[in-house]
Amino acid sequence: MAATEEEPELELEADSLTEEDEGEEEEEILTPAQLIHKLEEAWLNEKFSPDLLECKSEIVECVMEQLDHMEKNLQRAKKGDLKITVHRMEMERIRYVLSSYLRSRLQKIEKFFPHILEKERSRPETESSFLSAQEVAFAKEYASNCESHLKKLALKRMPPNLQALDVIKAVAKPNLDSFVFLRVKEKQENVLVEPETGDQREYTVDLEEGSQHLMRYRMIAPLVASGAVQLI
C-alpha cells in the first residue's frame, strides 16, 4: 500500500490521464495509488511480454511528476519524523518500478531494433506509435551505430559481393509463440488457443475473471493490449 494513502500530512495531488473513448477525449482522474497501480501493471506486462508493447508515456510522465511532488513534501516535513523514512522507502520502490519498466523497453529495442523500426515505418499515420519520441530517436541512433560498427569491423574486409547485409533477416524477431502466465481481469469467451490446422480443429476456451492460465502469447496479445488480462 502506498504511504501516500496513509499519511495525509504529506498530501499528494492526484494527477490525470487523458484517454479517448468513442472518438471523444475524456479526462480520467486518478489517485496517486491508482496511478502507481497502472505503472506496476504496465511494468509487469512489459517485463513478461516477448514483444514490445505500447509505451505508456502519460503514466510515466505523471509518475515522475508525483515523485517530484513527494520530494517537495518531504523537504517541508519536520526533520526526524519517522514518516519521512516510510515515504522515502515508498519513493525508492516507485523509482525502481519506473526504471525497470523503461529499462525493459530499451533492452527490447536493442534486441529487436530492425523489426521495431520497420514496424514504425509501416505504421499508418492514423495509428499511434508504440514508441515514445525519445525511444524512436534511441532506436534510430542504435541502428546507425550498429551498422557503422559492423561495417568497420567486418564488412569492409569482405569481398564486395558479401558486404551487403539485410539487417531484418540477420536479427531475430520477437518469439510471439512463447508461453506466458496471465491473470484474467475481465471475463472473455471463446478465446482462440490454437488455430485450425490440417490435423486438428481450432481450440477455444472461456477465461473466467480472476483465473490464471499459461497460454501462447500470440493468442492473447490483443487482450494484453486492451487490459483484459495481466501478465504475471
C-alpha atoms as a PDB file:
ATOM      1  CA  MET A   1       0.000   0.000   0.000  1.00  0.00           C
ATOM      2  CA  ALA A   2       1.329   3.401  -0.915  1.00  0.00           C
ATOM      3  CA  ALA A   3       2.379   5.510   2.032  1.00  0.00           C
ATOM      4  CA  THR A   4       0.656   8.469   0.428  1.00  0.00           C
ATOM      5  CA  GLU A   5      -2.707   6.953   1.303  1.00  0.00           C
ATOM      6  CA  GLU A   6      -1.876   6.539   4.963  1.00  0.00           C
ATOM      7  CA  GLU A   7      -0.301   9.886   5.806  1.00  0.00           C
ATOM      8  CA  PRO A   8      -2.451  12.929   4.957  1.00  0.00           C
ATOM      9  CA  GLU A   9       0.260  15.250   6.340  1.00  0.00           C
ATOM     10  CA  LEU A  10       2.319  14.559   3.239  1.00  0.00           C
ATOM     11  CA  GLU A  11      -0.576  15.151   0.906  1.00  0.00           C
ATOM     12  CA  LEU A  12      -0.187  14.348  -2.772  1.00  0.00           C
ATOM     13  CA  GLU A  13      -2.159  15.830  -5.634  1.00  0.00           C
ATOM     14  CA  ALA A  14      -3.981  13.359  -7.869  1.00  0.00           C
ATOM     15  CA  ASP A  15      -2.805  13.502 -11.460  1.00  0.00           C
ATOM     16  CA  SER A  16      -4.952  12.937 -14.524  1.00  0.00           C
ATOM     17  CA  LEU A  17      -4.546  10.846 -17.636  1.00  0.00           C
ATOM     18  CA  THR A  18      -6.349  11.663 -20.861  1.00  0.00           C
ATOM     19  CA  GLU A  19      -7.859   8.721 -22.693  1.00  0.00           C
ATOM     20  CA  GLU A  20     -10.004   8.542 -25.838  1.00  0.00           C
ATOM     21  CA  ASP A  21     -13.443   6.981 -25.654  1.00  0.00           C
ATOM     22  CA  GLU A  22     -15.581   6.598 -28.799  1.00  0.00           C
ATOM     23  CA  GLY A  23     -13.699   9.348 -30.581  1.00  0.00           C
ATOM     24  CA  GLU A  24     -14.074  11.868 -27.748  1.00  0.00           C
ATOM     25  CA  GLU A  25     -11.451  12.776 -25.204  1.00  0.00           C
ATOM     26  CA  GLU A  26     -12.284  12.147 -21.580  1.00  0.00           C
ATOM     27  CA  GLU A  27     -10.213  13.015 -18.572  1.00  0.00           C
ATOM     28  CA  GLU A  28      -9.706  10.203 -16.114  1.00  0.00           C
ATOM     29  CA  ILE A  29      -8.784  11.445 -12.669  1.00  0.00           C
ATOM     30  CA  LEU A  30      -6.513   9.021 -10.832  1.00  0.00           C
ATOM     31  CA  THR A  31      -5.441   8.995  -7.231  1.00  0.00           C
ATOM     32  CA  PRO A  32      -1.696   8.529  -6.626  1.00  0.00           C
ATOM     33  CA  ALA A  33      -2.335   4.919  -5.584  1.00  0.00           C
ATOM     34  CA  GLN A  34      -4.270   4.207  -8.801  1.00  0.00           C
ATOM     35  CA  LEU A  35      -1.539   5.830 -10.866  1.00  0.00           C
ATOM     36  CA  ILE A  36       1.171   3.661  -9.294  1.00  0.00           C
ATOM     37  CA  HIS A  37      -1.016   0.596  -9.802  1.00  0.00           C
ATOM     38  CA  LYS A  38      -1.258   1.379 -13.525  1.00  0.00           C
ATOM     39  CA  LEU A  39       2.521   1.763 -13.669  1.00  0.00           C
ATOM     40  CA  GLU A  40       3.006  -1.621 -11.993  1.00  0.00           C
ATOM     41  CA  GLU A  41       0.612  -3.275 -14.464  1.00  0.00           C
ATOM     42  CA  ALA A  42       2.464  -1.748 -17.420  1.00  0.00           C
ATOM     43  CA  TRP A  43       5.780  -2.853 -15.882  1.00  0.00           C
ATOM     44  CA  LEU A  44       4.715  -6.485 -15.447  1.00  0.00           C
ATOM     45  CA  ASN A  45       3.205  -6.663 -18.934  1.00  0.00           C
ATOM     46  CA  GLU A  46       6.374  -5.244 -20.476  1.00  0.00           C
ATOM     47  CA  LYS A  47       8.605  -7.462 -18.362  1.00  0.00           C
ATOM     48  CA  PHE A  48       6.884 -10.720 -19.300  1.00  0.00           C
ATOM     49  CA  SER A  49       5.796  -9.949 -22.865  1.00  0.00           C
ATOM     50  CA  PRO A  50       8.138 -11.254 -25.597  1.00  0.00           C
ATOM     51  CA  ASP A  51       7.178  -8.290 -27.810  1.00  0.00           C
ATOM     52  CA  LEU A  52       7.474  -4.542 -27.287  1.00  0.00           C
ATOM     53  CA  LEU A  53       4.177  -3.117 -26.043  1.00  0.00           C
ATOM     54  CA  GLU A  54       2.720   0.344 -26.464  1.00  0.00           C
ATOM     55  CA  CYS A  55       4.614   2.932 -24.460  1.00  0.00           C
ATOM     56  CA  LYS A  56       2.656   4.329 -21.511  1.00  0.00           C
ATOM     57  CA  SER A  57       4.153   7.809 -21.826  1.00  0.00           C
ATOM     58  CA  GLU A  58       1.363   9.582 -19.958  1.00  0.00           C
ATOM     59  CA  ILE A  59       1.688   7.240 -16.988  1.00  0.00           C
ATOM     60  CA  VAL A  60       5.472   7.675 -16.925  1.00  0.00           C
ATOM     61  CA  GLU A  61       5.199  11.461 -17.023  1.00  0.00           C
ATOM     62  CA  CYS A  62       2.542  11.548 -14.299  1.00  0.00           C
ATOM     63  CA  VAL A  63       4.571   9.250 -12.038  1.00  0.00           C
ATOM     64  CA  MET A  64       7.656  11.433 -12.470  1.00  0.00           C
ATOM     65  CA  GLU A  65       5.576  14.484 -11.534  1.00  0.00           C
ATOM     66  CA  GLN A  66       4.285  12.628  -8.461  1.00  0.00           C
ATOM     67  CA  LEU A  67       7.825  11.763  -7.407  1.00  0.00           C
ATOM     68  CA  ASP A  68       8.832  15.420  -7.676  1.00  0.00           C
ATOM     69  CA  HIS A  69       5.789  16.404  -5.639  1.00  0.00           C
ATOM     70  CA  MET A  70       6.568  13.786  -2.996  1.00  0.00           C
ATOM     71  CA  GLU A  71      10.167  15.016  -2.766  1.00  0.00           C
ATOM     72  CA  LYS A  72       8.990  18.596  -2.174  1.00  0.00           C
ATOM     73  CA  ASN A  73       6.580  17.421   0.526  1.00  0.00           C
ATOM     74  CA  LEU A  74       9.366  15.507   2.259  1.00  0.00           C
ATOM     75  CA  GLN A  75      11.573  18.591   2.252  1.00  0.00           C
ATOM     76  CA  ARG A  76       8.817  20.527   4.038  1.00  0.00           C
ATOM     77  CA  ALA A  77       8.187  17.786   6.597  1.00  0.00           C
ATOM     78  CA  LYS A  78       9.513  18.003  10.142  1.00  0.00           C
ATOM     79  CA  LYS A  79      13.015  16.545  10.356  1.00  0.00           C
ATOM     80  CA  GLY A  80      13.377  13.378  12.395  1.00  0.00           C
ATOM     81  CA  ASP A  81       9.799  12.311  11.702  1.00  0.00           C
ATOM     82  CA  LEU A  82       9.570   8.525  11.163  1.00  0.00           C
ATOM     83  CA  LYS A  83       7.031   9.132   8.408  1.00  0.00           C
ATOM     84  CA  ILE A  84       9.808  10.599   6.263  1.00  0.00           C
ATOM     85  CA  THR A  85      11.645   7.271   6.255  1.00  0.00           C
ATOM     86  CA  VAL A  86       8.490   5.379   5.284  1.00  0.00           C
ATOM     87  CA  HIS A  87       7.704   7.776   2.446  1.00  0.00           C
ATOM     88  CA  ARG A  88      11.323   7.718   1.288  1.00  0.00           C
ATOM     89  CA  MET A  89      11.198   3.915   1.037  1.00  0.00           C
ATOM     90  CA  GLU A  90       7.994   4.134  -0.974  1.00  0.00           C
ATOM     91  CA  MET A  91       9.609   6.627  -3.344  1.00  0.00           C
ATOM     92  CA  GLU A  92      12.563   4.313  -3.899  1.00  0.00           C
ATOM     93  CA  ARG A  93      10.188   1.439  -4.657  1.00  0.00           C
ATOM     94  CA  ILE A  94       8.336   3.546  -7.226  1.00  0.00           C
ATOM     95  CA  ARG A  95      11.612   4.674  -8.798  1.00  0.00           C
ATOM     96  CA  TYR A  96      12.722   1.049  -9.092  1.00  0.00           C
ATOM     97  CA  VAL A  97       9.495   0.034 -10.878  1.00  0.00           C
ATOM     98  CA  LEU A  98       9.711   3.039 -13.202  1.00  0.00           C
ATOM     99  CA  SER A  99      13.373   2.481 -14.109  1.00  0.00           C
ATOM    100  CA  SER A 100      12.810  -1.270 -14.577  1.00  0.00           C
ATOM    101  CA  TYR A 101       9.893  -0.569 -16.919  1.00  0.00           C
ATOM    102  CA  LEU A 102      11.926   1.829 -19.051  1.00  0.00           C
ATOM    103  CA  ARG A 103      14.978  -0.469 -18.986  1.00  0.00           C
ATOM    104  CA  SER A 104      12.895  -3.438 -20.194  1.00  0.00           C
ATOM    105  CA  ARG A 105      11.711  -1.398 -23.161  1.00  0.00           C
ATOM    106  CA  LEU A 106      15.219  -0.261 -24.071  1.00  0.00           C
ATOM    107  CA  GLN A 107      16.516  -3.828 -23.890  1.00  0.00           C
ATOM    108  CA  LYS A 108      13.834  -4.968 -26.340  1.00  0.00           C
ATOM    109  CA  ILE A 109      14.620  -2.080 -28.667  1.00  0.00           C
ATOM    110  CA  GLU A 110      18.304  -3.057 -28.656  1.00  0.00           C
ATOM    111  CA  LYS A 111      17.467  -6.712 -29.255  1.00  0.00           C
ATOM    112  CA  PHE A 112      14.829  -6.266 -31.983  1.00  0.00           C
ATOM    113  CA  PHE A 113      15.627  -2.806 -33.388  1.00  0.00           C
ATOM    114  CA  PRO A 114      15.312  -3.670 -37.138  1.00  0.00           C
ATOM    115  CA  HIS A 115      11.829  -5.132 -36.697  1.00  0.00           C
ATOM    116  CA  ILE A 116      10.702  -2.351 -34.362  1.00  0.00           C
ATOM    117  CA  LEU A 117      11.875   0.370 -36.757  1.00  0.00           C
ATOM    118  CA  GLU A 118      10.318  -1.421 -39.725  1.00  0.00           C
ATOM    119  CA  LYS A 119       7.022  -1.641 -37.869  1.00  0.00           C
ATOM    120  CA  GLU A 120       7.295   2.057 -37.033  1.00  0.00           C
ATOM    121  CA  ARG A 121       7.946   2.967 -40.701  1.00  0.00           C
ATOM    122  CA  SER A 122       4.999   0.908 -41.956  1.00  0.00           C
ATOM    123  CA  ARG A 123       2.609   2.262 -39.321  1.00  0.00           C
ATOM    124  CA  PRO A 124      -0.355   4.214 -40.749  1.00  0.00           C
ATOM    125  CA  GLU A 125      -0.400   7.894 -39.832  1.00  0.00           C
ATOM    126  CA  THR A 126      -3.770   7.430 -38.129  1.00  0.00           C
ATOM    127  CA  GLU A 127      -2.320   4.768 -35.789  1.00  0.00           C
ATOM    128  CA  SER A 128      -0.499   5.840 -32.636  1.00  0.00           C
ATOM    129  CA  SER A 129       3.154   4.876 -32.263  1.00  0.00           C
ATOM    130  CA  PHE A 130       4.242   2.147 -29.856  1.00  0.00           C
ATOM    131  CA  LEU A 131       7.379   4.175 -29.116  1.00  0.00           C
ATOM    132  CA  SER A 132       7.886   7.465 -27.361  1.00  0.00           C
ATOM    133  CA  ALA A 133       9.737  10.219 -29.225  1.00  0.00           C
ATOM    134  CA  GLN A 134      12.831   9.507 -27.127  1.00  0.00           C
ATOM    135  CA  GLU A 135      12.637   5.779 -27.905  1.00  0.00           C
ATOM    136  CA  VAL A 136      12.345   6.438 -31.646  1.00  0.00           C
ATOM    137  CA  ALA A 137      15.480   8.602 -31.507  1.00  0.00           C
ATOM    138  CA  PHE A 138      17.302   5.952 -29.448  1.00  0.00           C
ATOM    139  CA  ALA A 139      16.313   3.128 -31.837  1.00  0.00           C
ATOM    140  CA  LYS A 140      17.464   5.049 -34.918  1.00  0.00           C
ATOM    141  CA  GLU A 141      20.776   6.031 -33.328  1.00  0.00           C
ATOM    142  CA  TYR A 142      21.358   2.480 -32.070  1.00  0.00           C
ATOM    143  CA  ALA A 143      20.660   1.036 -35.532  1.00  0.00           C
ATOM    144  CA  SER A 144      23.014   3.537 -37.163  1.00  0.00           C
ATOM    145  CA  ASN A 145      25.788   2.796 -34.663  1.00  0.00           C
ATOM    146  CA  CYS A 146      25.400  -0.975 -35.074  1.00  0.00           C
ATOM    147  CA  GLU A 147      25.549  -0.734 -38.858  1.00  0.00           C
ATOM    148  CA  SER A 148      28.581   1.576 -38.761  1.00  0.00           C
ATOM    149  CA  HIS A 149      30.404  -0.644 -36.264  1.00  0.00           C
ATOM    150  CA  LEU A 150      29.706  -3.802 -38.277  1.00  0.00           C
ATOM    151  CA  LYS A 151      30.967  -2.209 -41.487  1.00  0.00           C
ATOM    152  CA  LYS A 152      34.182  -1.014 -39.876  1.00  0.00           C
ATOM    153  CA  LEU A 153      34.767  -4.247 -38.015  1.00  0.00           C
ATOM    154  CA  ALA A 154      33.982  -6.863 -40.652  1.00  0.00           C
ATOM    155  CA  LEU A 155      32.036  -5.999 -43.785  1.00  0.00           C
ATOM    156  CA  LYS A 156      34.628  -3.712 -45.397  1.00  0.00           C
ATOM    157  CA  ARG A 157      37.209  -6.531 -45.138  1.00  0.00           C
ATOM    158  CA  MET A 158      34.982  -8.995 -47.007  1.00  0.00           C
ATOM    159  CA  PRO A 159      34.584  -9.444 -50.778  1.00  0.00           C
ATOM    160  CA  PRO A 160      32.280  -6.829 -52.379  1.00  0.00           C
ATOM    161  CA  ASN A 161      29.556  -9.402 -53.074  1.00  0.00           C
ATOM    162  CA  LEU A 162      29.377 -10.209 -49.356  1.00  0.00           C
ATOM    163  CA  GLN A 163      29.360  -6.676 -47.981  1.00  0.00           C
ATOM    164  CA  ALA A 164      25.609  -6.183 -48.312  1.00  0.00           C
ATOM    165  CA  LEU A 165      23.712  -7.036 -45.138  1.00  0.00           C
ATOM    166  CA  ASP A 166      19.970  -7.479 -44.658  1.00  0.00           C
ATOM    167  CA  VAL A 167      19.574  -6.473 -41.026  1.00  0.00           C
ATOM    168  CA  ILE A 168      15.953  -7.601 -40.929  1.00  0.00           C
ATOM    169  CA  LYS A 169      16.999 -11.171 -41.731  1.00  0.00           C
ATOM    170  CA  ALA A 170      20.133 -11.032 -39.585  1.00  0.00           C
ATOM    171  CA  VAL A 171      18.385 -10.079 -36.325  1.00  0.00           C
ATOM    172  CA  ALA A 172      15.922 -12.440 -34.650  1.00  0.00           C
ATOM    173  CA  LYS A 173      12.249 -11.485 -34.332  1.00  0.00           C
ATOM    174  CA  PRO A 174      10.346 -11.497 -31.033  1.00  0.00           C
ATOM    175  CA  ASN A 175       9.079 -15.005 -30.349  1.00  0.00           C
ATOM    176  CA  LEU A 176       5.328 -14.432 -30.248  1.00  0.00           C
ATOM    177  CA  ASP A 177       4.712 -18.166 -29.849  1.00  0.00           C
ATOM    178  CA  SER A 178       6.399 -18.294 -26.450  1.00  0.00           C
ATOM    179  CA  PHE A 179       4.158 -19.128 -23.494  1.00  0.00           C
ATOM    180  CA  VAL A 180       3.273 -16.607 -20.783  1.00  0.00           C
ATOM    181  CA  PHE A 181       1.421 -16.718 -17.469  1.00  0.00           C
ATOM    182  CA  LEU A 182      -1.583 -14.431 -17.203  1.00  0.00           C
ATOM    183  CA  ARG A 183      -4.352 -13.416 -14.823  1.00  0.00           C
ATOM    184  CA  VAL A 184      -7.787 -12.614 -16.237  1.00  0.00           C
ATOM    185  CA  LYS A 185      -9.134  -9.183 -15.259  1.00  0.00           C
ATOM    186  CA  GLU A 186     -12.275  -9.287 -17.418  1.00  0.00           C
ATOM    187  CA  LYS A 187     -14.180 -12.425 -18.407  1.00  0.00           C
ATOM    188  CA  GLN A 188     -13.508 -13.468 -22.004  1.00  0.00           C
ATOM    189  CA  GLU A 189     -15.487 -16.021 -24.002  1.00  0.00           C
ATOM    190  CA  ASN A 190     -14.344 -18.192 -26.902  1.00  0.00           C
ATOM    191  CA  VAL A 191     -10.700 -17.174 -26.792  1.00  0.00           C
ATOM    192  CA  LEU A 192      -8.777 -18.921 -29.557  1.00  0.00           C
ATOM    193  CA  VAL A 193      -5.983 -21.006 -28.047  1.00  0.00           C
ATOM    194  CA  GLU A 194      -4.882 -22.993 -31.092  1.00  0.00           C
ATOM    195  CA  PRO A 195      -5.900 -22.180 -34.691  1.00  0.00           C
ATOM    196  CA  GLU A 196      -7.283 -24.841 -37.003  1.00  0.00           C
ATOM    197  CA  THR A 197      -4.636 -26.839 -38.861  1.00  0.00           C
ATOM    198  CA  GLY A 198      -4.641 -29.813 -41.172  1.00  0.00           C
ATOM    199  CA  ASP A 199      -4.564 -32.325 -38.326  1.00  0.00           C
ATOM    200  CA  GLN A 200      -6.576 -30.547 -35.616  1.00  0.00           C
ATOM    201  CA  ARG A 201      -9.628 -28.360 -35.165  1.00  0.00           C
ATOM    202  CA  GLU A 202      -9.404 -24.896 -33.638  1.00  0.00           C
ATOM    203  CA  TYR A 203      -9.427 -24.877 -29.857  1.00  0.00           C
ATOM    204  CA  THR A 204     -11.164 -22.135 -27.853  1.00  0.00           C
ATOM    205  CA  VAL A 205     -11.673 -21.592 -24.126  1.00  0.00           C
ATOM    206  CA  ASP A 206     -13.591 -19.244 -21.836  1.00  0.00           C
ATOM    207  CA  LEU A 207     -11.439 -17.205 -19.460  1.00  0.00           C
ATOM    208  CA  GLU A 208     -13.131 -16.555 -16.131  1.00  0.00           C
ATOM    209  CA  GLU A 209     -12.371 -13.371 -14.230  1.00  0.00           C
ATOM    210  CA  GLY A 210      -9.616 -13.959 -11.660  1.00  0.00           C
ATOM    211  CA  SER A 211      -8.434 -17.224 -13.220  1.00  0.00           C
ATOM    212  CA  GLN A 212      -4.801 -17.802 -14.144  1.00  0.00           C
ATOM    213  CA  HIS A 213      -3.515 -19.518 -17.267  1.00  0.00           C
ATOM    214  CA  LEU A 214      -0.410 -20.461 -19.225  1.00  0.00           C
ATOM    215  CA  MET A 215      -1.018 -19.606 -22.884  1.00  0.00           C
ATOM    216  CA  ARG A 216       0.752 -18.807 -26.131  1.00  0.00           C
ATOM    217  CA  TYR A 217       1.398 -15.066 -26.224  1.00  0.00           C
ATOM    218  CA  ARG A 218       0.337 -14.618 -29.845  1.00  0.00           C
ATOM    219  CA  MET A 219      -3.210 -15.694 -28.999  1.00  0.00           C
ATOM    220  CA  ILE A 220      -3.738 -13.317 -26.108  1.00  0.00           C
ATOM    221  CA  ALA A 221      -1.688 -10.327 -27.301  1.00  0.00           C
ATOM    222  CA  PRO A 222      -4.848  -8.290 -28.112  1.00  0.00           C
ATOM    223  CA  LEU A 223      -6.187  -8.995 -24.599  1.00  0.00           C
ATOM    224  CA  VAL A 224      -2.936  -7.727 -23.079  1.00  0.00           C
ATOM    225  CA  ALA A 225      -3.167  -4.563 -25.176  1.00  0.00           C
ATOM    226  CA  SER A 226      -6.784  -3.948 -24.160  1.00  0.00           C
ATOM    227  CA  GLY A 227      -6.092  -4.578 -20.470  1.00  0.00           C
ATOM    228  CA  ALA A 228      -8.445  -7.570 -20.249  1.00  0.00           C
ATOM    229  CA  VAL A 229      -5.616  -9.783 -18.952  1.00  0.00           C
ATOM    230  CA  GLN A 230      -2.499  -9.101 -16.904  1.00  0.00           C
ATOM    231  CA  LEU A 231       0.798 -10.910 -17.445  1.00  0.00           C
ATOM    232  CA  ILE A 232       2.303 -12.295 -14.241  1.00  0.00           C
END
